[in-house]
Amino acid sequence: KNISTTEKGKKYFLENINKISIPTDDLSLKIDKIKMYLG
């Protein structure tokens, strides 16, 4: 219950969001939704 991201988590997110690789063969139909959730 009541999960919040810490400053360390925010920093990790910002440092790694552009490094992410989506396996397109498995998730090709969901890429737009994944992008939406990742912002």
PDB file of all heavy atoms in Angstrom:
ATOM      1  N   LYS A   1       0.826  -1.205   0.000  1.00  0.00           N
ATOM      2  CA  LYS A   1       0.000   0.000   0.000  1.00  0.00           C
ATOM      3  C   LYS A   1       0.862   1.258   0.000  1.00  0.00           C
ATOM      4  O   LYS A   1       1.958   1.277   0.542  1.00  0.00           O
ATOM      5  CB  LYS A   1      -0.985   0.005   1.168  1.00  0.00           C
ATOM      6  CG  LYS A   1      -0.390  -0.175   2.532  1.00  0.00           C
ATOM      7  CD  LYS A   1      -1.492  -0.268   3.587  1.00  0.00           C
ATOM      8  CE  LYS A   1      -0.908  -0.772   4.900  1.00  0.00           C
ATOM      9  NZ  LYS A   1      -1.923  -0.903   5.918  1.00  0.00           N
ATOM     10  N   ASN A   2       0.336   2.269  -0.662  1.00  0.00           N
ATOM     11  CA  ASN A   2       0.932   3.601  -0.718  1.00  0.00           C
ATOM     12  C   ASN A   2       2.417   3.563  -1.101  1.00  0.00           C
ATOM     13  O   ASN A   2       3.285   3.902  -0.317  1.00  0.00           O
ATOM     14  CB  ASN A   2       0.716   4.343   0.597  1.00  0.00           C
ATOM     15  CG  ASN A   2      -0.752   4.558   0.866  1.00  0.00           C
ATOM     16  OD1 ASN A   2      -1.531   4.803  -0.053  1.00  0.00           O
ATOM     17  ND2 ASN A   2      -1.161   4.447   2.112  1.00  0.00           N
ATOM     18  N   ILE A   3       2.670   3.186  -2.342  1.00  0.00           N
ATOM     19  CA  ILE A   3       4.030   3.071  -2.856  1.00  0.00           C
ATOM     20  C   ILE A   3       4.446   4.414  -3.471  1.00  0.00           C
ATOM     21  O   ILE A   3       3.708   4.982  -4.271  1.00  0.00           O
ATOM     22  CB  ILE A   3       4.133   1.960  -3.922  1.00  0.00           C
ATOM     23  CG1 ILE A   3       3.681   0.615  -3.343  1.00  0.00           C
ATOM     24  CG2 ILE A   3       5.548   1.830  -4.453  1.00  0.00           C
ATOM     25  CD1 ILE A   3       2.346   0.196  -3.832  1.00  0.00           C
ATOM     26  N   SER A   4       5.623   4.891  -3.081  1.00  0.00           N
ATOM     27  CA  SER A   4       6.169   6.143  -3.608  1.00  0.00           C
ATOM     28  C   SER A   4       7.597   5.911  -4.055  1.00  0.00           C
ATOM     29  O   SER A   4       8.335   5.138  -3.445  1.00  0.00           O
ATOM     30  CB  SER A   4       6.181   7.233  -2.537  1.00  0.00           C
ATOM     31  OG  SER A   4       4.884   7.537  -2.115  1.00  0.00           O
ATOM     32  N   THR A   5       7.989   6.613  -5.088  1.00  0.00           N
ATOM     33  CA  THR A   5       9.362   6.550  -5.575  1.00  0.00           C
ATOM     34  C   THR A   5      10.225   7.521  -4.776  1.00  0.00           C
ATOM     35  O   THR A   5       9.833   8.660  -4.532  1.00  0.00           O
ATOM     36  CB  THR A   5       9.406   6.911  -7.073  1.00  0.00           C
ATOM     37  OG1 THR A   5       8.588   5.989  -7.783  1.00  0.00           O
ATOM     38  CG2 THR A   5      10.817   6.855  -7.630  1.00  0.00           C
ATOM     39  N   THR A   6      11.398   7.057  -4.377  1.00  0.00           N
ATOM     40  CA  THR A   6      12.349   7.900  -3.646  1.00  0.00           C
ATOM     41  C   THR A   6      13.161   8.729  -4.639  1.00  0.00           C
ATOM     42  O   THR A   6      13.084   8.522  -5.852  1.00  0.00           O
ATOM     43  CB  THR A   6      13.316   7.027  -2.830  1.00  0.00           C
ATOM     44  OG1 THR A   6      14.098   6.233  -3.738  1.00  0.00           O
ATOM     45  CG2 THR A   6      12.579   6.129  -1.846  1.00  0.00           C
ATOM     46  N   GLU A   7      13.960   9.633  -4.119  1.00  0.00           N
ATOM     47  CA  GLU A   7      14.845  10.416  -4.979  1.00  0.00           C
ATOM     48  C   GLU A   7      15.817   9.497  -5.732  1.00  0.00           C
ATOM     49  O   GLU A   7      16.110   9.726  -6.894  1.00  0.00           O
ATOM     50  CB  GLU A   7      15.615  11.458  -4.173  1.00  0.00           C
ATOM     51  CG  GLU A   7      14.759  12.627  -3.712  1.00  0.00           C
ATOM     52  CD  GLU A   7      14.108  13.369  -4.866  1.00  0.00           C
ATOM     53  OE1 GLU A   7      14.774  13.632  -5.890  1.00  0.00           O
ATOM     54  OE2 GLU A   7      12.909  13.695  -4.749  1.00  0.00           O
ATOM     55  N   LYS A   8      16.298   8.454  -5.056  1.00  0.00           N
ATOM     56  CA  LYS A   8      17.188   7.493  -5.712  1.00  0.00           C
ATOM     57  C   LYS A   8      16.465   6.801  -6.865  1.00  0.00           C
ATOM     58  O   LYS A   8      17.034   6.587  -7.930  1.00  0.00           O
ATOM     59  CB  LYS A   8      17.684   6.458  -4.702  1.00  0.00           C
ATOM     60  CG  LYS A   8      18.644   5.452  -5.301  1.00  0.00           C
ATOM     61  CD  LYS A   8      19.154   4.466  -4.259  1.00  0.00           C
ATOM     62  CE  LYS A   8      20.104   3.470  -4.898  1.00  0.00           C
ATOM     63  NZ  LYS A   8      20.621   2.502  -3.923  1.00  0.00           N
ATOM     64  N   GLY A   9      15.183   6.468  -6.659  1.00  0.00           N
ATOM     65  CA  GLY A   9      14.386   5.844  -7.714  1.00  0.00           C
ATOM     66  C   GLY A   9      14.152   6.790  -8.887  1.00  0.00           C
ATOM     67  O   GLY A   9      14.209   6.381 -10.048  1.00  0.00           O
ATOM     68  N   LYS A  10      13.887   8.060  -8.593  1.00  0.00           N
ATOM     69  CA  LYS A  10      13.716   9.057  -9.658  1.00  0.00           C
ATOM     70  C   LYS A  10      14.989   9.183 -10.483  1.00  0.00           C
ATOM     71  O   LYS A  10      14.941   9.224 -11.713  1.00  0.00           O
ATOM     72  CB  LYS A  10      13.348  10.418  -9.065  1.00  0.00           C
ATOM     73  CG  LYS A  10      11.959  10.497  -8.503  1.00  0.00           C
ATOM     74  CD  LYS A  10      11.712  11.868  -7.896  1.00  0.00           C
ATOM     75  CE  LYS A  10      10.423  11.900  -7.118  1.00  0.00           C
ATOM     76  NZ  LYS A  10      10.184  13.194  -6.477  1.00  0.00           N
ATOM     77  N   LYS A  11      16.118   9.241  -9.780  1.00  0.00           N
ATOM     78  CA  LYS A  11      17.395   9.366 -10.469  1.00  0.00           C
ATOM     79  C   LYS A  11      17.649   8.139 -11.349  1.00  0.00           C
ATOM     80  O   LYS A  11      18.056   8.273 -12.504  1.00  0.00           O
ATOM     81  CB  LYS A  11      18.519   9.524  -9.447  1.00  0.00           C
ATOM     82  CG  LYS A  11      19.874   9.702 -10.055  1.00  0.00           C
ATOM     83  CD  LYS A  11      20.951   9.886  -8.990  1.00  0.00           C
ATOM     84  CE  LYS A  11      22.303   9.997  -9.666  1.00  0.00           C
ATOM     85  NZ  LYS A  11      23.390  10.086  -8.705  1.00  0.00           N
ATOM     86  N   TYR A  12      17.382   6.950 -10.820  1.00  0.00           N
ATOM     87  CA  TYR A  12      17.562   5.719 -11.593  1.00  0.00           C
ATOM     88  C   TYR A  12      16.683   5.738 -12.845  1.00  0.00           C
ATOM     89  O   TYR A  12      17.131   5.402 -13.931  1.00  0.00           O
ATOM     90  CB  TYR A  12      17.223   4.507 -10.724  1.00  0.00           C
ATOM     91  CG  TYR A  12      17.371   3.202 -11.455  1.00  0.00           C
ATOM     92  CD1 TYR A  12      18.594   2.546 -11.497  1.00  0.00           C
ATOM     93  CD2 TYR A  12      16.288   2.615 -12.113  1.00  0.00           C
ATOM     94  CE1 TYR A  12      18.748   1.346 -12.177  1.00  0.00           C
ATOM     95  CE2 TYR A  12      16.422   1.423 -12.796  1.00  0.00           C
ATOM     96  CZ  TYR A  12      17.653   0.793 -12.822  1.00  0.00           C
ATOM     97  OH  TYR A  12      17.790  -0.391 -13.509  1.00  0.00           O
ATOM     98  N   PHE A  13      15.423   6.147 -12.672  1.00  0.00           N
ATOM     99  CA  PHE A  13      14.503   6.221 -13.805  1.00  0.00           C
ATOM    100  C   PHE A  13      15.064   7.155 -14.876  1.00  0.00           C
ATOM    101  O   PHE A  13      15.141   6.790 -16.052  1.00  0.00           O
ATOM    102  CB  PHE A  13      13.118   6.698 -13.347  1.00  0.00           C
ATOM    103  CG  PHE A  13      12.170   6.909 -14.487  1.00  0.00           C
ATOM    104  CD1 PHE A  13      11.454   5.850 -15.005  1.00  0.00           C
ATOM    105  CD2 PHE A  13      12.008   8.162 -15.058  1.00  0.00           C
ATOM    106  CE1 PHE A  13      10.591   6.026 -16.080  1.00  0.00           C
ATOM    107  CE2 PHE A  13      11.148   8.356 -16.129  1.00  0.00           C
ATOM    108  CZ  PHE A  13      10.440   7.288 -16.639  1.00  0.00           C
ATOM    109  N   LEU A  14      15.435   8.352 -14.482  1.00  0.00           N
ATOM    110  CA  LEU A  14      15.918   9.344 -15.446  1.00  0.00           C
ATOM    111  C   LEU A  14      17.205   8.900 -16.137  1.00  0.00           C
ATOM    112  O   LEU A  14      17.403   9.193 -17.324  1.00  0.00           O
ATOM    113  CB  LEU A  14      16.106  10.695 -14.752  1.00  0.00           C
ATOM    114  CG  LEU A  14      14.804  11.348 -14.273  1.00  0.00           C
ATOM    115  CD1 LEU A  14      15.105  12.570 -13.419  1.00  0.00           C
ATOM    116  CD2 LEU A  14      13.885  11.683 -15.430  1.00  0.00           C
ATOM    117  N   GLU A  15      18.064   8.190 -15.414  1.00  0.00           N
ATOM    118  CA  GLU A  15      19.318   7.719 -15.997  1.00  0.00           C
ATOM    119  C   GLU A  15      19.127   6.532 -16.942  1.00  0.00           C
ATOM    120  O   GLU A  15      19.958   6.298 -17.816  1.00  0.00           O
ATOM    121  CB  GLU A  15      20.305   7.323 -14.899  1.00  0.00           C
ATOM    122  CG  GLU A  15      20.858   8.505 -14.134  1.00  0.00           C
ATOM    123  CD  GLU A  15      21.719   8.097 -12.946  1.00  0.00           C
ATOM    124  OE1 GLU A  15      21.791   6.890 -12.611  1.00  0.00           O
ATOM    125  OE2 GLU A  15      22.319   9.006 -12.339  1.00  0.00           O
ATOM    126  N   ASN A  16      18.038   5.777 -16.762  1.00  0.00           N
ATOM    127  CA  ASN A  16      17.878   4.537 -17.512  1.00  0.00           C
ATOM    128  C   ASN A  16      16.745   4.529 -18.527  1.00  0.00           C
ATOM    129  O   ASN A  16      16.673   3.614 -19.346  1.00  0.00           O
ATOM    130  CB  ASN A  16      17.702   3.365 -16.537  1.00  0.00           C
ATOM    131  CG  ASN A  16      18.985   3.068 -15.824  1.00  0.00           C
ATOM    132  OD1 ASN A  16      19.878   2.453 -16.373  1.00  0.00           O
ATOM    133  ND2 ASN A  16      19.103   3.541 -14.593  1.00  0.00           N
ATOM    134  N   ILE A  17      15.895   5.528 -18.517  1.00  0.00           N
ATOM    135  CA  ILE A  17      14.743   5.508 -19.416  1.00  0.00           C
ATOM    136  C   ILE A  17      15.155   5.499 -20.883  1.00  0.00           C
ATOM    137  O   ILE A  17      14.525   4.834 -21.712  1.00  0.00           O
ATOM    138  CB  ILE A  17      13.762   6.671 -19.109  1.00  0.00           C
ATOM    139  CG1 ILE A  17      12.477   6.506 -19.907  1.00  0.00           C
ATOM    140  CG2 ILE A  17      14.400   8.024 -19.378  1.00  0.00           C
ATOM    141  CD1 ILE A  17      11.711   5.247 -19.608  1.00  0.00           C
ATOM    142  N   ASN A  18      16.218   6.177 -21.232  1.00  0.00           N
ATOM    143  CA  ASN A  18      16.642   6.217 -22.630  1.00  0.00           C
ATOM    144  C   ASN A  18      17.484   5.013 -23.032  1.00  0.00           C
ATOM    145  O   ASN A  18      17.832   4.881 -24.201  1.00  0.00           O
ATOM    146  CB  ASN A  18      17.392   7.515 -22.916  1.00  0.00           C
ATOM    147  CG  ASN A  18      16.464   8.702 -22.844  1.00  0.00           C
ATOM    148  OD1 ASN A  18      15.333   8.641 -23.307  1.00  0.00           O
ATOM    149  ND2 ASN A  18      16.925   9.775 -22.235  1.00  0.00           N
ATOM    150  N   LYS A  19      17.802   4.151 -22.086  1.00  0.00           N
ATOM    151  CA  LYS A  19      18.587   2.949 -22.368  1.00  0.00           C
ATOM    152  C   LYS A  19      17.694   1.725 -22.579  1.00  0.00           C
ATOM    153  O   LYS A  19      18.190   0.667 -22.940  1.00  0.00           O
ATOM    154  CB  LYS A  19      19.541   2.663 -21.210  1.00  0.00           C
ATOM    155  CG  LYS A  19      20.545   3.753 -20.955  1.00  0.00           C
ATOM    156  CD  LYS A  19      21.374   3.425 -19.728  1.00  0.00           C
ATOM    157  CE  LYS A  19      22.257   4.590 -19.330  1.00  0.00           C
ATOM    158  NZ  LYS A  19      22.968   4.312 -18.064  1.00  0.00           N
ATOM    159  N   ILE A  20      16.414   1.882 -22.340  1.00  0.00           N
ATOM    160  CA  ILE A  20      15.493   0.740 -22.373  1.00  0.00           C
ATOM    161  C   ILE A  20      15.338   0.206 -23.796  1.00  0.00           C
ATOM    162  O   ILE A  20      15.332   0.960 -24.757  1.00  0.00           O
ATOM    163  CB  ILE A  20      14.123   1.122 -21.761  1.00  0.00           C
ATOM    164  CG1 ILE A  20      13.323  -0.104 -21.402  1.00  0.00           C
ATOM    165  CG2 ILE A  20      13.323   2.011 -22.675  1.00  0.00           C
ATOM    166  CD1 ILE A  20      13.849  -0.841 -20.240  1.00  0.00           C
ATOM    167  N   SER A  21      15.224  -1.089 -23.880  1.00  0.00           N
ATOM    168  CA  SER A  21      15.013  -1.758 -25.157  1.00  0.00           C
ATOM    169  C   SER A  21      13.784  -2.649 -25.033  1.00  0.00           C
ATOM    170  O   SER A  21      13.731  -3.517 -24.156  1.00  0.00           O
ATOM    171  CB  SER A  21      16.248  -2.588 -25.511  1.00  0.00           C
ATOM    172  OG  SER A  21      15.996  -3.366 -26.648  1.00  0.00           O
ATOM    173  N   ILE A  22      12.803  -2.420 -25.886  1.00  0.00           N
ATOM    174  CA  ILE A  22      11.573  -3.218 -25.841  1.00  0.00           C
ATOM    175  C   ILE A  22      11.704  -4.363 -26.838  1.00  0.00           C
ATOM    176  O   ILE A  22      11.937  -4.122 -28.019  1.00  0.00           O
ATOM    177  CB  ILE A  22      10.336  -2.358 -26.185  1.00  0.00           C
ATOM    178  CG1 ILE A  22      10.181  -1.233 -25.166  1.00  0.00           C
ATOM    179  CG2 ILE A  22       9.078  -3.210 -26.250  1.00  0.00           C
ATOM    180  CD1 ILE A  22       9.097  -0.245 -25.483  1.00  0.00           C
ATOM    181  N   PRO A  23      11.551  -5.604 -26.362  1.00  0.00           N
ATOM    182  CA  PRO A  23      11.609  -6.745 -27.288  1.00  0.00           C
ATOM    183  C   PRO A  23      10.388  -6.722 -28.213  1.00  0.00           C
ATOM    184  O   PRO A  23       9.302  -7.144 -27.840  1.00  0.00           O
ATOM    185  CB  PRO A  23      11.628  -7.965 -26.371  1.00  0.00           C
ATOM    186  CG  PRO A  23      11.120  -7.497 -25.053  1.00  0.00           C
ATOM    187  CD  PRO A  23      11.352  -6.013 -24.991  1.00  0.00           C
ATOM    188  N   THR A  24      10.564  -6.187 -29.406  1.00  0.00           N
ATOM    189  CA  THR A  24       9.438  -5.926 -30.302  1.00  0.00           C
ATOM    190  C   THR A  24       8.726  -7.181 -30.795  1.00  0.00           C
ATOM    191  O   THR A  24       7.546  -7.126 -31.094  1.00  0.00           O
ATOM    192  CB  THR A  24       9.881  -5.094 -31.512  1.00  0.00           C
ATOM    193  OG1 THR A  24      10.951  -5.761 -32.156  1.00  0.00           O
ATOM    194  CG2 THR A  24      10.305  -3.705 -31.082  1.00  0.00           C
ATOM    195  N   ASP A  25       9.424  -8.297 -30.871  1.00  0.00           N
ATOM    196  CA  ASP A  25       8.744  -9.492 -31.361  1.00  0.00           C
ATOM    197  C   ASP A  25       7.674  -9.965 -30.385  1.00  0.00           C
ATOM    198  O   ASP A  25       6.678 -10.550 -30.791  1.00  0.00           O
ATOM    199  CB  ASP A  25       9.733 -10.621 -31.664  1.00  0.00           C
ATOM    200  CG  ASP A  25      10.665 -10.934 -30.524  1.00  0.00           C
ATOM    201  OD1 ASP A  25      10.950 -10.035 -29.714  1.00  0.00           O
ATOM    202  OD2 ASP A  25      11.117 -12.091 -30.445  1.00  0.00           O
ATOM    203  N   ASP A  26       7.837  -9.703 -29.101  1.00  0.00           N
ATOM    204  CA  ASP A  26       6.851 -10.115 -28.110  1.00  0.00           C
ATOM    205  C   ASP A  26       5.837  -9.018 -27.784  1.00  0.00           C
ATOM    206  O   ASP A  26       4.703  -9.300 -27.443  1.00  0.00           O
ATOM    207  CB  ASP A  26       7.541 -10.522 -26.801  1.00  0.00           C
ATOM    208  CG  ASP A  26       8.372 -11.772 -26.958  1.00  0.00           C
ATOM    209  OD1 ASP A  26       7.980 -12.633 -27.760  1.00  0.00           O
ATOM    210  OD2 ASP A  26       9.406 -11.878 -26.286  1.00  0.00           O
ATOM    211  N   LEU A  27       6.261  -7.772 -27.870  1.00  0.00           N
ATOM    212  CA  LEU A  27       5.423  -6.669 -27.398  1.00  0.00           C
ATOM    213  C   LEU A  27       5.082  -5.659 -28.479  1.00  0.00           C
ATOM    214  O   LEU A  27       4.701  -4.542 -28.175  1.00  0.00           O
ATOM    215  CB  LEU A  27       6.141  -5.960 -26.240  1.00  0.00           C
ATOM    216  CG  LEU A  27       6.411  -6.820 -25.013  1.00  0.00           C
ATOM    217  CD1 LEU A  27       7.273  -6.063 -24.020  1.00  0.00           C
ATOM    218  CD2 LEU A  27       5.115  -7.273 -24.369  1.00  0.00           C
ATOM    219  N   SER A  28       5.183  -6.036 -29.738  1.00  0.00           N
ATOM    220  CA  SER A  28       4.990  -5.079 -30.827  1.00  0.00           C
ATOM    221  C   SER A  28       3.624  -4.399 -30.781  1.00  0.00           C
ATOM    222  O   SER A  28       3.511  -3.223 -31.105  1.00  0.00           O
ATOM    223  CB  SER A  28       5.206  -5.749 -32.180  1.00  0.00           C
ATOM    224  OG  SER A  28       4.272  -6.789 -32.372  1.00  0.00           O
ATOM    225  N   LEU A  29       2.606  -5.115 -30.371  1.00  0.00           N
ATOM    226  CA  LEU A  29       1.266  -4.529 -30.314  1.00  0.00           C
ATOM    227  C   LEU A  29       1.066  -3.637 -29.096  1.00  0.00           C
ATOM    228  O   LEU A  29       0.092  -2.898 -29.025  1.00  0.00           O
ATOM    229  CB  LEU A  29       0.207  -5.635 -30.326  1.00  0.00           C
ATOM    230  CG  LEU A  29       0.200  -6.525 -31.565  1.00  0.00           C
ATOM    231  CD1 LEU A  29      -0.828  -7.644 -31.413  1.00  0.00           C
ATOM    232  CD2 LEU A  29      -0.072  -5.715 -32.818  1.00  0.00           C
ATOM    233  N   LYS A  30       1.981  -3.693 -28.156  1.00  0.00           N
ATOM    234  CA  LYS A  30       1.834  -2.946 -26.905  1.00  0.00           C
ATOM    235  C   LYS A  30       2.817  -1.788 -26.773  1.00  0.00           C
ATOM    236  O   LYS A  30       2.850  -1.121 -25.752  1.00  0.00           O
ATOM    237  CB  LYS A  30       2.030  -3.892 -25.711  1.00  0.00           C
ATOM    238  CG  LYS A  30       1.150  -5.110 -25.712  1.00  0.00           C
ATOM    239  CD  LYS A  30      -0.295  -4.746 -25.518  1.00  0.00           C
ATOM    240  CE  LYS A  30      -1.145  -6.016 -25.478  1.00  0.00           C
ATOM    241  NZ  LYS A  30      -2.529  -5.743 -25.253  1.00  0.00           N
ATOM    242  N   ILE A  31       3.623  -1.532 -27.800  1.00  0.00           N
ATOM    243  CA  ILE A  31       4.672  -0.515 -27.702  1.00  0.00           C
ATOM    244  C   ILE A  31       4.089   0.859 -27.346  1.00  0.00           C
ATOM    245  O   ILE A  31       4.630   1.558 -26.498  1.00  0.00           O
ATOM    246  CB  ILE A  31       5.519  -0.454 -28.987  1.00  0.00           C
ATOM    247  CG1 ILE A  31       6.403  -1.695 -29.047  1.00  0.00           C
ATOM    248  CG2 ILE A  31       6.369   0.813 -29.029  1.00  0.00           C
ATOM    249  CD1 ILE A  31       7.241  -1.811 -30.294  1.00  0.00           C
ATOM    250  N   ASP A  32       2.989   1.245 -27.964  1.00  0.00           N
ATOM    251  CA  ASP A  32       2.412   2.557 -27.670  1.00  0.00           C
ATOM    252  C   ASP A  32       1.972   2.669 -26.214  1.00  0.00           C
ATOM    253  O   ASP A  32       2.159   3.707 -25.580  1.00  0.00           O
ATOM    254  CB  ASP A  32       1.240   2.858 -28.604  1.00  0.00           C
ATOM    255  CG  ASP A  32       1.692   3.139 -30.033  1.00  0.00           C
ATOM    256  OD1 ASP A  32       2.868   3.514 -30.219  1.00  0.00           O
ATOM    257  OD2 ASP A  32       0.880   2.963 -30.954  1.00  0.00           O
ATOM    258  N   LYS A  33       1.393   1.597 -25.684  1.00  0.00           N
ATOM    259  CA  LYS A  33       0.975   1.620 -24.272  1.00  0.00           C
ATOM    260  C   LYS A  33       2.188   1.659 -23.348  1.00  0.00           C
ATOM    261  O   LYS A  33       2.176   2.362 -22.341  1.00  0.00           O
ATOM    262  CB  LYS A  33       0.107   0.408 -23.949  1.00  0.00           C
ATOM    263  CG  LYS A  33      -1.288   0.512 -24.506  1.00  0.00           C
ATOM    264  CD  LYS A  33      -2.143  -0.646 -24.059  1.00  0.00           C
ATOM    265  CE  LYS A  33      -3.537  -0.509 -24.639  1.00  0.00           C
ATOM    266  NZ  LYS A  33      -4.428  -1.563 -24.190  1.00  0.00           N
ATOM    267  N   ILE A  34       3.217   0.899 -23.675  1.00  0.00           N
ATOM    268  CA  ILE A  34       4.431   0.909 -22.859  1.00  0.00           C
ATOM    269  C   ILE A  34       5.026   2.313 -22.846  1.00  0.00           C
ATOM    270  O   ILE A  34       5.388   2.832 -21.788  1.00  0.00           O
ATOM    271  CB  ILE A  34       5.453  -0.128 -23.375  1.00  0.00           C
ATOM    272  CG1 ILE A  34       4.933  -1.543 -23.113  1.00  0.00           C
ATOM    273  CG2 ILE A  34       6.814   0.077 -22.719  1.00  0.00           C
ATOM    274  CD1 ILE A  34       5.725  -2.635 -23.793  1.00  0.00           C
ATOM    275  N   LYS A  35       5.116   2.941 -24.009  1.00  0.00           N
ATOM    276  CA  LYS A  35       5.632   4.306 -24.097  1.00  0.00           C
ATOM    277  C   LYS A  35       4.789   5.255 -23.253  1.00  0.00           C
ATOM    278  O   LYS A  35       5.319   6.145 -22.575  1.00  0.00           O
ATOM    279  CB  LYS A  35       5.655   4.774 -25.542  1.00  0.00           C
ATOM    280  CG  LYS A  35       6.711   4.120 -26.394  1.00  0.00           C
ATOM    281  CD  LYS A  35       6.623   4.649 -27.809  1.00  0.00           C
ATOM    282  CE  LYS A  35       7.608   4.003 -28.739  1.00  0.00           C
ATOM    283  NZ  LYS A  35       7.507   4.542 -30.109  1.00  0.00           N
ATOM    284  N   MET A  36       3.470   5.080 -23.285  1.00  0.00           N
ATOM    285  CA  MET A  36       2.591   5.941 -22.500  1.00  0.00           C
ATOM    286  C   MET A  36       2.889   5.789 -21.008  1.00  0.00           C
ATOM    287  O   MET A  36       3.039   6.793 -20.291  1.00  0.00           O
ATOM    288  CB  MET A  36       1.120   5.577 -22.774  1.00  0.00           C
ATOM    289  CG  MET A  36       0.135   6.377 -21.931  1.00  0.00           C
ATOM    290  SD  MET A  36      -1.551   5.758 -22.064  1.00  0.00           S
ATOM    291  CE  MET A  36      -1.429   4.205 -21.197  1.00  0.00           C
ATOM    292  N   TYR A  37       2.995   4.551 -20.525  1.00  0.00           N
ATOM    293  CA  TYR A  37       3.273   4.331 -19.110  1.00  0.00           C
ATOM    294  C   TYR A  37       4.659   4.808 -18.698  1.00  0.00           C
ATOM    295  O   TYR A  37       4.869   5.220 -17.570  1.00  0.00           O
ATOM    296  CB  TYR A  37       3.080   2.854 -18.736  1.00  0.00           C
ATOM    297  CG  TYR A  37       1.637   2.437 -18.708  1.00  0.00           C
ATOM    298  CD1 TYR A  37       1.171   1.449 -19.550  1.00  0.00           C
ATOM    299  CD2 TYR A  37       0.732   3.042 -17.848  1.00  0.00           C
ATOM    300  CE1 TYR A  37      -0.163   1.064 -19.533  1.00  0.00           C
ATOM    301  CE2 TYR A  37      -0.598   2.678 -17.824  1.00  0.00           C
ATOM    302  CZ  TYR A  37      -1.044   1.677 -18.674  1.00  0.00           C
ATOM    303  OH  TYR A  37      -2.356   1.309 -18.650  1.00  0.00           O
ATOM    304  N   LEU A  38       5.606   4.769 -19.631  1.00  0.00           N
ATOM    305  CA  LEU A  38       6.954   5.238 -19.346  1.00  0.00           C
ATOM    306  C   LEU A  38       7.095   6.740 -19.558  1.00  0.00           C
ATOM    307  O   LEU A  38       8.093   7.329 -19.154  1.00  0.00           O
ATOM    308  CB  LEU A  38       7.980   4.492 -20.215  1.00  0.00           C
ATOM    309  CG  LEU A  38       8.186   3.017 -19.885  1.00  0.00           C
ATOM    310  CD1 LEU A  38       9.059   2.358 -20.915  1.00  0.00           C
ATOM    311  CD2 LEU A  38       8.775   2.854 -18.485  1.00  0.00           C
ATOM    312  N   GLY A  39       6.104   7.347 -20.200  1.00  0.00           N
ATOM    313  CA  GLY A  39       6.143   8.798 -20.412  1.00  0.00           C
ATOM    314  C   GLY A  39       7.124   9.230 -21.478  1.00  0.00           C
ATOM    315  O   GLY A  39       7.724  10.292 -21.366  1.00  0.00           O
TER     316      GLY A  39
END
